[in-house]
Amino acid sequence: MPALAGEVIAQVRQILGLIAGGTSNQEIADALNIPLQTVTSRVQIVFGKLGVDNRTHAAALSLRDGLCDAIQ
């Protein structure tokens, strides 16, 4: 796997963990030092891949399936 792909996957896992912890998109952007638009885009892509339409469902599936390490 190319290094950039690994970094994106790691970042998505971080975002999912932060979502599970109740963190807003702006707070995620601030915590990861990335643009809000990047967070918003990745959240929407992940929602689509998980087949969910809200943060609570995404968090529950992520924790259940081990897509994020723990609530951060």
Foldseek 3Di string as FASTA:
>chain_A
DDPVVVVVLVLLLVLLLQLLQVHDLVRSCVVVVHDSVVSVVSVVVQCVVVVHDDSNVSNVVCVVVVSHPHRD
